[in-house]
C-alpha atoms as a PDB file:
ATOM      1  CA  MET A   1      84.316  58.789 114.490  1.00  0.00           C
ATOM      2  CA  THR A   2      86.140  57.882 111.108  1.00  0.00           C
ATOM      3  CA  ALA A   3      86.968  54.315 110.793  1.00  0.00           C
ATOM      4  CA  PHE A   4      90.511  53.215 110.037  1.00  0.00           C
ATOM      5  CA  VAL A   5      91.052  52.794 106.189  1.00  0.00           C
ATOM      6  CA  GLU A   6      93.905  50.789 104.782  1.00  0.00           C
ATOM      7  CA  VAL A   7      96.048  52.867 102.589  1.00  0.00           C
ATOM      8  CA  ALA A   8      98.843  50.329 101.763  1.00  0.00           C
ATOM      9  CA  ASP A   9      99.848  47.130 103.025  1.00  0.00           C
ATOM     10  CA  ARG A  10      99.006  47.001 106.857  1.00  0.00           C
ATOM     11  CA  VAL A  11      99.157  50.601 107.151  1.00  0.00           C
ATOM     12  CA  TRP A  12      95.853  52.259 108.277  1.00  0.00           C
ATOM     13  CA  VAL A  13      94.648  55.888 108.586  1.00  0.00           C
ATOM     14  CA  ALA A  14      91.719  57.161 110.769  1.00  0.00           C
ATOM     15  CA  ARG A  15      91.156  60.873 109.616  1.00  0.00           C
ATOM     16  CA  GLN A  16      89.508  62.327 112.654  1.00  0.00           C
ATOM     17  CA  GLU A  17      86.832  65.062 112.584  1.00  0.00           C
ATOM     18  CA  TRP A  18      88.532  66.863 115.527  1.00  0.00           C
ATOM     19  CA  TYR A  19      91.280  68.976 113.907  1.00  0.00           C
ATOM     20  CA  ASP A  20      91.218  66.801 110.793  1.00  0.00           C
ATOM     21  CA  LEU A  21      93.878  64.843 112.479  1.00  0.00           C
ATOM     22  CA  ASN A  22      95.263  61.460 111.114  1.00  0.00           C
ATOM     23  CA  VAL A  23      95.896  58.804 113.491  1.00  0.00           C
ATOM     24  CA  CYS A  24      97.824  56.060 111.879  1.00  0.00           C
ATOM     25  CA  LEU A  25      98.448  52.453 112.512  1.00  0.00           C
ATOM     26  CA  VAL A  26     101.280  50.279 111.025  1.00  0.00           C
ATOM     27  CA  GLY A  27     101.104  46.609 111.449  1.00  0.00           C
ATOM     28  CA  GLY A  28     103.664  43.861 111.504  1.00  0.00           C
ATOM     29  CA  SER A  29     103.782  40.222 112.622  1.00  0.00           C
ATOM     30  CA  ALA A  30     105.008  41.354 116.064  1.00  0.00           C
ATOM     31  CA  GLY A  31     102.266  44.027 116.623  1.00  0.00           C
ATOM     32  CA  LEU A  32     100.986  47.408 115.839  1.00  0.00           C
ATOM     33  CA  VAL A  33     102.595  50.774 115.991  1.00  0.00           C
ATOM     34  CA  VAL A  34     100.049  53.820 116.641  1.00  0.00           C
ATOM     35  CA  VAL A  35     101.388  57.101 115.289  1.00  0.00           C
ATOM     36  CA  ASP A  36      99.837  60.136 117.199  1.00  0.00           C
ATOM     37  CA  THR A  37      96.947  59.713 119.564  1.00  0.00           C
ATOM     38  CA  GLN A  38      94.630  62.587 119.380  1.00  0.00           C
ATOM     39  CA  GLY A  39      93.953  65.517 121.714  1.00  0.00           C
ATOM     40  CA  SER A  40      92.505  63.835 124.739  1.00  0.00           C
ATOM     41  CA  GLU A  41      92.284  60.558 126.691  1.00  0.00           C
ATOM     42  CA  ARG A  42      88.717  60.430 126.155  1.00  0.00           C
ATOM     43  CA  ALA A  43      89.053  60.866 122.365  1.00  0.00           C
ATOM     44  CA  ALA A  44      91.924  58.159 122.287  1.00  0.00           C
ATOM     45  CA  ARG A  45      89.770  55.618 124.145  1.00  0.00           C
ATOM     46  CA  ALA A  46      87.308  55.666 121.326  1.00  0.00           C
ATOM     47  CA  ILE A  47      90.217  55.091 118.931  1.00  0.00           C
ATOM     48  CA  VAL A  48      91.396  52.133 121.102  1.00  0.00           C
ATOM     49  CA  VAL A  49      87.905  50.640 120.601  1.00  0.00           C
ATOM     50  CA  GLN A  50      88.461  50.994 116.823  1.00  0.00           C
ATOM     51  CA  VAL A  51      91.719  49.444 116.988  1.00  0.00           C
ATOM     52  CA  ARG A  52      90.381  46.427 118.731  1.00  0.00           C
ATOM     53  CA  ASP A  53      87.475  46.218 116.477  1.00  0.00           C
ATOM     54  CA  LEU A  54      89.893  46.082 113.441  1.00  0.00           C
ATOM     55  CA  GLY A  55      91.246  42.853 114.708  1.00  0.00           C
ATOM     56  CA  VAL A  56      94.769  43.073 113.364  1.00  0.00           C
ATOM     57  CA  GLY A  57      96.822  42.713 116.457  1.00  0.00           C
ATOM     58  CA  GLU A  58      97.745  44.355 119.626  1.00  0.00           C
ATOM     59  CA  VAL A  59      99.518  47.767 119.862  1.00  0.00           C
ATOM     60  CA  THR A  60     103.102  47.309 120.912  1.00  0.00           C
ATOM     61  CA  ALA A  61     104.335  50.747 120.508  1.00  0.00           C
ATOM     62  CA  VAL A  62     103.226  54.468 120.172  1.00  0.00           C
ATOM     63  CA  VAL A  63     105.012  57.241 118.208  1.00  0.00           C
ATOM     64  CA  ASN A  64     104.385  60.944 118.408  1.00  0.00           C
ATOM     65  CA  THR A  65     105.417  62.985 115.500  1.00  0.00           C
ATOM     66  CA  HIS A  66     105.918  66.041 117.670  1.00  0.00           C
ATOM     67  CA  GLU A  67     104.820  67.331 121.119  1.00  0.00           C
ATOM     68  CA  HIS A  68     101.656  69.202 120.460  1.00  0.00           C
ATOM     69  CA  PHE A  69      98.519  68.182 122.422  1.00  0.00           C
ATOM     70  CA  ASP A  70      96.525  66.988 119.463  1.00  0.00           C
ATOM     71  CA  HIS A  71      99.160  64.355 118.693  1.00  0.00           C
ATOM     72  CA  THR A  72     100.112  63.401 122.155  1.00  0.00           C
ATOM     73  CA  PHE A  73      96.990  63.738 124.607  1.00  0.00           C
ATOM     74  CA  GLY A  74      95.874  60.261 123.919  1.00  0.00           C
ATOM     75  CA  ASN A  75      99.138  58.696 124.986  1.00  0.00           C
ATOM     76  CA  GLY A  76      97.786  57.772 128.458  1.00  0.00           C
ATOM     77  CA  ALA A  77      94.809  55.959 127.030  1.00  0.00           C
ATOM     78  CA  PHE A  78      96.933  53.600 124.890  1.00  0.00           C
ATOM     79  CA  ARG A  79      99.130  52.906 127.956  1.00  0.00           C
ATOM     80  CA  ALA A  80      96.026  52.027 129.932  1.00  0.00           C
ATOM     81  CA  ALA A  81      94.475  49.832 127.258  1.00  0.00           C
ATOM     82  CA  PHE A  82      97.730  47.873 126.134  1.00  0.00           C
ATOM     83  CA  GLY A  83      99.981  48.085 129.021  1.00  0.00           C
ATOM     84  CA  ALA A  84     103.356  49.692 129.356  1.00  0.00           C
ATOM     85  CA  VAL A  85     103.934  50.207 125.755  1.00  0.00           C
ATOM     86  CA  PRO A  86     106.934  52.320 124.759  1.00  0.00           C
ATOM     87  CA  ILE A  87     106.123  55.770 123.534  1.00  0.00           C
ATOM     88  CA  HIS A  88     108.675  57.082 121.040  1.00  0.00           C
ATOM     89  CA  ALA A  89     109.525  60.592 119.953  1.00  0.00           C
ATOM     90  CA  HIS A  90     112.410  62.778 119.030  1.00  0.00           C
ATOM     91  CA  GLU A  91     114.233  63.908 122.259  1.00  0.00           C
ATOM     92  CA  VAL A  92     113.246  67.580 122.119  1.00  0.00           C
ATOM     93  CA  ALA A  93     109.504  66.690 121.398  1.00  0.00           C
ATOM     94  CA  ALA A  94     109.557  64.376 124.508  1.00  0.00           C
ATOM     95  CA  GLU A  95     111.229  66.973 126.617  1.00  0.00           C
ATOM     96  CA  ARG A  96     108.632  69.598 125.672  1.00  0.00           C
ATOM     97  CA  THR A  97     105.460  67.544 125.759  1.00  0.00           C
ATOM     98  CA  VAL A  98     104.261  68.274 129.342  1.00  0.00           C
ATOM     99  CA  GLU A  99     105.049  71.935 128.996  1.00  0.00           C
ATOM    100  CA  ALA A 100     103.297  72.162 125.490  1.00  0.00           C
ATOM    101  CA  GLY A 101     100.412  70.333 126.951  1.00  0.00           C
ATOM    102  CA  GLU A 102      99.964  72.693 129.877  1.00  0.00           C
ATOM    103  CA  ARG A 103     100.112  75.662 127.613  1.00  0.00           C
ATOM    104  CA  ALA A 104      97.438  74.006 125.487  1.00  0.00           C
ATOM    105  CA  ARG A 105      95.233  73.509 128.697  1.00  0.00           C
ATOM    106  CA  GLU A 106      95.768  77.191 129.518  1.00  0.00           C
ATOM    107  CA  ARG A 107      94.587  78.294 126.189  1.00  0.00           C
ATOM    108  CA  PHE A 108      91.423  76.166 126.436  1.00  0.00           C
ATOM    109  CA  GLY A 109      90.774  77.216 129.899  1.00  0.00           C
ATOM    110  CA  GLU A 110      90.764  80.977 129.104  1.00  0.00           C
ATOM    111  CA  GLY A 111      87.133  81.347 128.049  1.00  0.00           C
ATOM    112  CA  HIS A 112      87.521  78.739 125.335  1.00  0.00           C
ATOM    113  CA  ASP A 113      84.198  77.519 124.025  1.00  0.00           C
ATOM    114  CA  ASP A 114      85.391  74.493 122.309  1.00  0.00           C
ATOM    115  CA  PRO A 115      83.167  71.378 122.922  1.00  0.00           C
ATOM    116  CA  HIS A 116      86.213  69.443 123.836  1.00  0.00           C
ATOM    117  CA  LEU A 117      87.107  71.770 126.704  1.00  0.00           C
ATOM    118  CA  ASP A 118      86.279  69.359 129.476  1.00  0.00           C
ATOM    119  CA  GLU A 119      88.110  66.354 127.973  1.00  0.00           C
ATOM    120  CA  VAL A 120      91.162  68.432 127.314  1.00  0.00           C
ATOM    121  CA  LEU A 121      91.379  69.694 130.935  1.00  0.00           C
ATOM    122  CA  GLU A 122      90.803  66.167 132.309  1.00  0.00           C
ATOM    123  CA  THR A 123      93.554  64.582 130.361  1.00  0.00           C
ATOM    124  CA  ARG A 124      96.687  63.380 132.050  1.00  0.00           C
ATOM    125  CA  VAL A 125      99.728  64.348 130.055  1.00  0.00           C
ATOM    126  CA  VAL A 126     102.166  61.292 129.212  1.00  0.00           C
ATOM    127  CA  ALA A 127     105.406  62.035 127.520  1.00  0.00           C
ATOM    128  CA  ALA A 128     107.358  59.828 125.362  1.00  0.00           C
ATOM    129  CA  ASP A 129     109.852  57.579 127.355  1.00  0.00           C
ATOM    130  CA  HIS A 130     111.801  56.374 124.398  1.00  0.00           C
ATOM    131  CA  THR A 131     113.616  59.067 122.634  1.00  0.00           C
ATOM    132  CA  PHE A 132     116.050  59.405 119.633  1.00  0.00           C
ATOM    133  CA  SER A 133     118.136  62.253 118.287  1.00  0.00           C
ATOM    134  CA  SER A 134     118.245  61.371 114.607  1.00  0.00           C
ATOM    135  CA  VAL A 135     117.012  57.828 113.440  1.00  0.00           C
ATOM    136  CA  ARG A 136     115.487  54.852 115.163  1.00  0.00           C
ATOM    137  CA  VAL A 137     114.267  51.755 113.701  1.00  0.00           C
ATOM    138  CA  LEU A 138     111.364  49.806 115.143  1.00  0.00           C
ATOM    139  CA  ASP A 139     111.242  45.963 114.546  1.00  0.00           C
ATOM    140  CA  LEU A 140     107.699  44.699 113.912  1.00  0.00           C
ATOM    141  CA  GLY A 141     108.934  41.147 113.072  1.00  0.00           C
ATOM    142  CA  ASP A 142     108.480  40.951 109.258  1.00  0.00           C
ATOM    143  CA  ARG A 143     108.989  44.542 108.586  1.00  0.00           C
ATOM    144  CA  GLN A 144     110.862  47.512 110.036  1.00  0.00           C
ATOM    145  CA  VAL A 145     109.606  51.073 110.750  1.00  0.00           C
ATOM    146  CA  GLU A 146     111.957  54.021 110.419  1.00  0.00           C
ATOM    147  CA  LEU A 147     111.708  57.152 112.735  1.00  0.00           C
ATOM    148  CA  VAL A 148     113.422  60.041 111.276  1.00  0.00           C
ATOM    149  CA  HIS A 149     114.192  63.445 112.587  1.00  0.00           C
ATOM    150  CA  PRO A 150     114.776  65.400 109.237  1.00  0.00           C
ATOM    151  CA  GLY A 151     115.350  68.753 110.953  1.00  0.00           C
ATOM    152  CA  ARG A 152     113.362  71.687 112.529  1.00  0.00           C
ATOM    153  CA  GLY A 153     110.456  73.215 110.997  1.00  0.00           C
ATOM    154  CA  HIS A 154     106.828  72.948 112.494  1.00  0.00           C
ATOM    155  CA  THR A 155     108.701  72.401 115.732  1.00  0.00           C
ATOM    156  CA  ALA A 156     112.251  71.560 116.860  1.00  0.00           C
ATOM    157  CA  GLY A 157     111.233  68.018 117.361  1.00  0.00           C
ATOM    158  CA  ASP A 158     109.552  66.901 114.312  1.00  0.00           C
ATOM    159  CA  ALA A 159     109.644  63.178 113.100  1.00  0.00           C
ATOM    160  CA  VAL A 160     108.516  61.424 110.141  1.00  0.00           C
ATOM    161  CA  ILE A 161     107.793  57.855 110.049  1.00  0.00           C
ATOM    162  CA  ARG A 162     108.784  55.666 106.983  1.00  0.00           C
ATOM    163  CA  VAL A 163     107.474  52.283 106.147  1.00  0.00           C
ATOM    164  CA  PRO A 164     109.858  51.287 103.306  1.00  0.00           C
ATOM    165  CA  ASP A 165     108.289  48.049 102.174  1.00  0.00           C
ATOM    166  CA  ALA A 166     104.890  49.782 101.747  1.00  0.00           C
ATOM    167  CA  ASP A 167     106.289  52.933 100.392  1.00  0.00           C
ATOM    168  CA  VAL A 168     104.508  54.995 102.964  1.00  0.00           C
ATOM    169  CA  LEU A 169     105.645  58.155 104.762  1.00  0.00           C
ATOM    170  CA  LEU A 170     103.820  59.610 107.701  1.00  0.00           C
ATOM    171  CA  ALA A 171     104.839  63.268 107.702  1.00  0.00           C
ATOM    172  CA  GLY A 172     103.273  64.729 110.826  1.00  0.00           C
ATOM    173  CA  ASP A 173     102.666  68.440 110.661  1.00  0.00           C
ATOM    174  CA  LEU A 174     105.777  69.070 108.487  1.00  0.00           C
ATOM    175  CA  VAL A 175     103.222  68.579 105.807  1.00  0.00           C
ATOM    176  CA  GLU A 176      99.494  69.597 105.949  1.00  0.00           C
ATOM    177  CA  GLU A 177      96.766  69.259 103.446  1.00  0.00           C
ATOM    178  CA  SER A 178      93.632  70.592 105.191  1.00  0.00           C
ATOM    179  CA  GLY A 179      95.139  73.962 105.566  1.00  0.00           C
ATOM    180  CA  PRO A 180      98.198  76.100 105.285  1.00  0.00           C
ATOM    181  CA  PRO A 181     101.258  74.877 107.120  1.00  0.00           C
ATOM    182  CA  ALA A 182     100.775  75.598 110.895  1.00  0.00           C
ATOM    183  CA  TYR A 183     103.361  78.209 112.079  1.00  0.00           C
ATOM    184  CA  GLY A 184     103.111  78.388 115.762  1.00  0.00           C
ATOM    185  CA  ASP A 185     105.054  79.993 118.326  1.00  0.00           C
ATOM    186  CA  ASP A 186     107.594  77.251 118.448  1.00  0.00           C
ATOM    187  CA  CYS A 187     108.163  76.979 114.637  1.00  0.00           C
ATOM    188  CA  HIS A 188     111.464  77.360 112.798  1.00  0.00           C
ATOM    189  CA  PRO A 189     110.364  78.895 109.573  1.00  0.00           C
ATOM    190  CA  LEU A 190     113.832  79.624 108.192  1.00  0.00           C
ATOM    191  CA  GLU A 191     114.908  75.929 108.507  1.00  0.00           C
ATOM    192  CA  TRP A 192     111.646  74.375 107.390  1.00  0.00           C
ATOM    193  CA  PRO A 193     112.490  74.312 103.625  1.00  0.00           C
ATOM    194  CA  GLY A 194     115.667  72.418 104.267  1.00  0.00           C
ATOM    195  CA  THR A 195     113.986  70.127 106.512  1.00  0.00           C
ATOM    196  CA  LEU A 196     111.478  69.286 103.701  1.00  0.00           C
ATOM    197  CA  ASP A 197     114.253  68.673 101.424  1.00  0.00           C
ATOM    198  CA  VAL A 198     115.419  65.793 103.652  1.00  0.00           C
ATOM    199  CA  VAL A 199     111.775  64.718 103.678  1.00  0.00           C
ATOM    200  CA  LEU A 200     111.536  64.738  99.963  1.00  0.00           C
ATOM    201  CA  GLY A 201     114.686  62.491  99.916  1.00  0.00           C
ATOM    202  CA  LEU A 202     112.451  59.724 101.448  1.00  0.00           C
ATOM    203  CA  ILE A 203     109.456  60.128  99.000  1.00  0.00           C
ATOM    204  CA  GLY A 204     109.507  58.476  95.635  1.00  0.00           C
ATOM    205  CA  PRO A 205     107.242  58.903  92.745  1.00  0.00           C
ATOM    206  CA  GLY A 206     104.545  56.477  94.084  1.00  0.00           C
ATOM    207  CA  THR A 207     105.045  57.039  97.891  1.00  0.00           C
ATOM    208  CA  VAL A 208     101.720  57.424  99.829  1.00  0.00           C
ATOM    209  CA  VAL A 209     102.313  60.575 102.121  1.00  0.00           C
ATOM    210  CA  VAL A 210      99.982  60.949 105.061  1.00  0.00           C
ATOM    211  CA  PRO A 211     100.210  64.516 106.365  1.00  0.00           C
ATOM    212  CA  GLY A 212      99.445  65.439 109.991  1.00  0.00           C
ATOM    213  CA  HIS A 213      96.093  66.850 109.028  1.00  0.00           C
ATOM    214  CA  GLY A 214      93.956  66.232 105.944  1.00  0.00           C
ATOM    215  CA  ALA A 215      93.886  63.984 103.089  1.00  0.00           C
ATOM    216  CA  LEU A 216      96.611  61.749 101.485  1.00  0.00           C
ATOM    217  CA  VAL A 217      99.201  63.550  99.357  1.00  0.00           C
ATOM    218  CA  ASP A 218     101.984  62.677  97.026  1.00  0.00           C
ATOM    219  CA  ARG A 219     105.460  63.924  96.251  1.00  0.00           C
ATOM    220  CA  ASP A 220     104.025  66.766  93.959  1.00  0.00           C
ATOM    221  CA  PHE A 221     102.107  68.098  96.783  1.00  0.00           C
ATOM    222  CA  VAL A 222     104.998  68.097  99.198  1.00  0.00           C
ATOM    223  CA  GLU A 223     107.343  69.660  96.510  1.00  0.00           C
ATOM    224  CA  GLN A 224     104.803  72.530  95.976  1.00  0.00           C
ATOM    225  CA  GLN A 225     104.322  73.085  99.798  1.00  0.00           C
ATOM    226  CA  ARG A 226     108.087  72.998 100.253  1.00  0.00           C
ATOM    227  CA  GLN A 227     108.380  75.739  97.413  1.00  0.00           C
ATOM    228  CA  ASP A 228     105.694  77.911  99.232  1.00  0.00           C
ATOM    229  CA  ILE A 229     107.399  77.470 102.701  1.00  0.00           C
ATOM    230  CA  ALA A 230     110.851  78.436 101.045  1.00  0.00           C
ATOM    231  CA  ILE A 231     108.959  81.614  99.561  1.00  0.00           C
ATOM    232  CA  ALA A 232     107.712  82.594 103.038  1.00  0.00           C
ATOM    233  CA  ALA A 233     111.254  82.182 104.533  1.00  0.00           C
ATOM    234  CA  GLN A 234     112.944  84.201 101.654  1.00  0.00           C
ATOM    235  CA  VAL A 235     110.433  87.067 102.163  1.00  0.00           C
ATOM    236  CA  VAL A 236     111.124  87.178 105.901  1.00  0.00           C
ATOM    237  CA  GLN A 237     114.859  87.422 104.998  1.00  0.00           C
ATOM    238  CA  ASP A 238     114.417  89.992 102.254  1.00  0.00           C
ATOM    239  CA  LEU A 239     112.295  92.335 104.444  1.00  0.00           C
ATOM    240  CA  ALA A 240     114.693  92.017 107.408  1.00  0.00           C
ATOM    241  CA  ALA A 241     117.669  92.701 105.061  1.00  0.00           C
ATOM    242  CA  SER A 242     115.757  95.806 103.509  1.00  0.00           C
ATOM    243  CA  GLY A 243     115.349  97.236 107.031  1.00  0.00           C
ATOM    244  CA  VAL A 244     111.553  96.639 107.211  1.00  0.00           C
ATOM    245  CA  PRO A 245     110.815  96.356 111.095  1.00  0.00           C
ATOM    246  CA  VAL A 246     109.218  93.142 112.255  1.00  0.00           C
ATOM    247  CA  ASP A 247     105.907  94.926 113.191  1.00  0.00           C
ATOM    248  CA  ARG A 248     105.380  96.016 109.621  1.00  0.00           C
ATOM    249  CA  ALA A 249     106.715  92.945 107.750  1.00  0.00           C
ATOM    250  CA  LEU A 250     103.462  90.896 107.760  1.00  0.00           C
ATOM    251  CA  ALA A 251     101.606  93.844 106.030  1.00  0.00           C
ATOM    252  CA  GLU A 252     104.463  94.614 103.560  1.00  0.00           C
ATOM    253  CA  GLY A 253     105.438  91.199 102.399  1.00  0.00           C
ATOM    254  CA  GLU A 254     104.027  89.367  99.418  1.00  0.00           C
ATOM    255  CA  TRP A 255     103.147  85.945 100.980  1.00  0.00           C
ATOM    256  CA  PRO A 256     102.236  82.490  99.566  1.00  0.00           C
ATOM    257  CA  PHE A 257      99.865  81.697 102.556  1.00  0.00           C
ATOM    258  CA  PRO A 258      97.211  83.972 104.142  1.00  0.00           C
ATOM    259  CA  ARG A 259      98.718  86.718 106.303  1.00  0.00           C
ATOM    260  CA  GLU A 260      96.629  85.490 109.501  1.00  0.00           C
ATOM    261  CA  ALA A 261      98.532  82.162 109.291  1.00  0.00           C
ATOM    262  CA  LEU A 262     102.009  83.777 109.261  1.00  0.00           C
ATOM    263  CA  ARG A 263     102.213  85.937 112.353  1.00  0.00           C
ATOM    264  CA  HIS A 264     104.574  83.478 114.212  1.00  0.00           C
ATOM    265  CA  ALA A 265     106.492  82.796 111.113  1.00  0.00           C
ATOM    266  CA  VAL A 266     107.563  86.486 110.715  1.00  0.00           C
ATOM    267  CA  VAL A 267     108.328  87.145 114.416  1.00  0.00           C
ATOM    268  CA  ARG A 268     110.106  83.716 114.765  1.00  0.00           C
ATOM    269  CA  GLY A 269     111.964  84.163 111.346  1.00  0.00           C
ATOM    270  CA  PHE A 270     113.150  87.698 112.412  1.00  0.00           C
ATOM    271  CA  ALA A 271     114.248  86.440 115.827  1.00  0.00           C
ATOM    272  CA  GLN A 272     116.164  83.632 114.265  1.00  0.00           C
ATOM    273  CA  LEU A 273     118.114  85.662 111.678  1.00  0.00           C
ATOM    274  CA  PRO A 274     121.812  86.458 112.531  1.00  0.00           C
ATOM    275  CA  PRO A 275     122.040  90.039 113.879  1.00  0.00           C
ATOM    276  CA  GLY A 276     123.980  91.078 110.741  1.00  0.00           C
ATOM    277  CA  VAL A 277     121.146  90.238 108.450  1.00  0.00           C
ATOM    278  CA  ARG A 278     118.743  92.689 110.052  1.00  0.00           C
ATOM    279  CA  ARG A 279     119.321  96.190 108.940  1.00  0.00           C
ATOM    280  CA  LEU A 280     118.166  99.313 110.642  1.00  0.00           C
ATOM    281  CA  PRO A 281     114.508 100.170 109.820  1.00  0.00           C
ATOM    282  CA  LEU A 282     113.935 102.209 106.748  1.00  0.00           C
ATOM    283  CA  ILE A 283     112.508 105.716 107.377  1.00  0.00           C
END
């Protein structure tokens, strides 16, 4: 279990071995906010122990950057440890948390040999009960924490968390460092570049950016990832406009990421294009 490391004034990150997920703490005079809670209650209980050992305050709120199980399945453990703390998420993420969790459990249960199988299956899914559509500000006494929905990308309910006085942005899975951006079956690949434009508007030259997975990054990294995501979106649109059928697009495109990471990006991208953009398949 990786310990929490203070990356800016009262902002701590624990980079987990499981999924290389970043669990974050933001502290203020009124308590702590936990951002993302790991992929099981069992794993989150170990993180609760670390939070207590850190000795910097009590958890007063939880935030989920989106609905995927590796970011939400620890919600119940934090509720059990710290009482009925509010759990915040974008309204779409909150609405889809239980469904997304059940789908994740189905995948684990279908012959999955992951060593975390039992703890995933035994986890009780707890969705956020405090939602927002655009922006919410959490008051931590001597500092404010901003929750922002910059648009759709990795999911429809992505949120980033800004700590203005510490110049930190917790980017969730809109930004990933340990692998290519995760295009799942709920992604919005054509909107993702514009969403990252909004995110970049929140990032200055010295901002510490914490991706959903992997090591800390900076503005230059986010700009480069935004450009690559924009290239992938443009390739999808160009192939569709040229009449390349969706089942051949992955093989025929020149992509900025490995093809195996882009199957859902292509399918979802084609489906999200207006009908007039898609031409009849070329012979």
